[in-house]
């Protein structure tokens, strides 16, 4: 049973990690859009002149776009791995059930034999 529980914990951790990566990617994309919108607003206000603040904003939104793209690639890799992790969990769960059924069958057989043993010992 321990192997199955460990596999289940690994699967849960992988799922939570993937969820966290998706959330971070969404946040990064939104922040990038916000910074780009602010950059364009300032560009219009400054008559097309780029200020140091705007250069900083541009660098930030470009970095955020790149990071979001990297996160998308990482998410795709993790999504491919998740079915494999789930399969391992399933196989270990099946092994646990099979063993449990075997033990239950043995115990049931022994309980049917117990009365005959009692008759022999008496």
Foldseek 3Di string as FASTA:
>chain_A
DVQLVVLVVVLVVLVVVLVVLVVLLVVLLVLLVVLVVVLVVVCVVVVNDADPVSVVSVVSSVVSVVVSVVSVVVSVVSVVCNVVSVVSSVVVVVVVVVVVVVVVVVVVVVVVCVVVVVVVVD
